[in-house]
Amino acid sequence: MNDIKYCTRCGVKISDINTADYYSHIRIKYCDVCRERANQEQTLLRVHALRKRRREKNKLLDTQLELLKEENALLRDRIIALREQVKQ
């Protein structure tokens, strides 16, 4: 195991096993400045993926809606035709 950890982005020393808690030492990846940037980038990626999933879902819903509209129009026409047959 590494006794000294460095920031994976900028290379600054961020932790020493002799002075830090073991669990915080093995968990830490970034210095304070880089952690903020990394969190922003990860959030941006998450939001981008969420918006992409939402767009795809909305496209499917729109397609289903159009199909249902067509089906309803055909059923309405069929009902009108049946009513006319009954009247005659």
Protein backbone atom coordinates (compact mmCIF):
# COMPACT_ATOMS: atom_id res chain seq x y z
CA MET A 1 0.00 0.00 0.00
CA ASN A 2 1.16 3.53 -0.67
CA ASP A 3 2.28 5.36 2.44
CA ILE A 4 1.87 8.72 0.77
CA LYS A 5 -1.03 9.59 -1.54
CA TYR A 6 -0.98 12.24 -4.21
CA CYS A 7 -3.85 13.96 -6.01
CA THR A 8 -4.64 12.07 -9.20
CA ARG A 9 -5.18 15.34 -11.08
CA CYS A 10 -2.48 17.76 -9.99
CA GLY A 11 -0.03 15.54 -8.11
CA VAL A 12 -0.07 17.44 -4.80
CA LYS A 13 0.55 15.39 -1.66
CA ILE A 14 -2.82 14.88 0.03
CA SER A 15 -2.37 12.19 2.65
CA ASP A 16 0.25 10.34 4.67
CA ILE A 17 -0.61 7.02 6.30
CA ASN A 18 1.35 7.94 9.42
CA THR A 19 -0.62 11.12 10.13
CA ALA A 20 -4.06 10.36 8.65
CA ASP A 21 -6.87 8.03 9.57
CA TYR A 22 -6.52 4.75 7.64
CA TYR A 23 -9.99 4.83 6.07
CA SER A 24 -9.75 8.45 4.96
CA HIS A 25 -6.29 7.69 3.58
CA ILE A 26 -7.48 4.81 1.37
CA ARG A 27 -10.56 6.74 0.22
CA ILE A 28 -9.09 10.11 -0.71
CA LYS A 29 -8.30 10.73 -4.39
CA TYR A 30 -8.17 14.48 -4.92
CA CYS A 31 -6.94 17.60 -3.17
CA ASP A 32 -9.57 20.12 -2.04
CA VAL A 33 -9.39 22.24 -5.20
CA CYS A 34 -9.49 19.28 -7.57
CA ARG A 35 -12.28 17.62 -5.58
CA GLU A 36 -14.58 20.56 -6.32
CA ARG A 37 -13.76 20.39 -10.02
CA ALA A 38 -14.18 16.60 -10.08
CA ASN A 39 -17.56 16.86 -8.35
CA GLN A 40 -18.70 19.47 -10.87
CA GLU A 41 -17.61 17.30 -13.79
CA GLN A 42 -19.27 14.19 -12.35
CA THR A 43 -22.47 16.15 -11.74
CA LEU A 44 -22.36 17.46 -15.29
CA LEU A 45 -22.01 13.91 -16.64
CA ARG A 46 -24.86 12.65 -14.46
CA VAL A 47 -27.15 15.47 -15.58
CA HIS A 48 -26.22 14.91 -19.21
CA ALA A 49 -27.03 11.19 -18.93
CA LEU A 50 -30.31 11.96 -17.14
CA ARG A 51 -31.36 14.41 -19.84
CA LYS A 52 -30.48 11.89 -22.55
CA ARG A 53 -32.55 9.18 -20.86
CA ARG A 54 -35.43 11.63 -20.42
CA ARG A 55 -35.29 12.63 -24.12
CA GLU A 56 -35.40 8.98 -25.20
CA LYS A 57 -38.29 8.28 -22.84
CA ASN A 58 -40.21 11.30 -24.14
CA LYS A 59 -39.65 10.19 -27.74
CA LEU A 60 -41.14 6.79 -26.92
CA LEU A 61 -44.08 8.40 -25.15
CA ASP A 62 -44.70 10.71 -28.12
CA THR A 63 -44.62 7.75 -30.49
CA GLN A 64 -47.10 5.84 -28.35
CA LEU A 65 -49.33 8.90 -28.13
CA GLU A 66 -49.40 9.29 -31.91
CA LEU A 67 -50.26 5.60 -32.36
CA LEU A 68 -53.07 5.87 -29.82
CA LYS A 69 -54.44 8.97 -31.57
CA GLU A 70 -54.52 7.10 -34.87
CA GLU A 71 -56.18 4.10 -33.25
CA ASN A 72 -58.80 6.31 -31.59
CA ALA A 73 -59.57 8.04 -34.88
CA LEU A 74 -60.05 4.66 -36.60
CA LEU A 75 -62.26 3.42 -33.78
CA ARG A 76 -64.35 6.60 -33.92
CA ASP A 77 -64.84 6.13 -37.66
CA ARG A 78 -65.79 2.51 -37.10
CA ILE A 79 -68.33 3.46 -34.41
CA ILE A 80 -69.87 6.09 -36.70
CA ALA A 81 -70.13 3.53 -39.51
CA LEU A 82 -71.78 0.99 -37.18
CA ARG A 83 -74.28 3.60 -35.94
CA GLU A 84 -75.20 4.43 -39.53
CA GLN A 85 -75.74 0.73 -40.29
CA VAL A 86 -78.01 0.39 -37.25
CA LYS A 87 -80.10 3.43 -38.31
CA GLN A 88 -80.74 1.96 -41.77
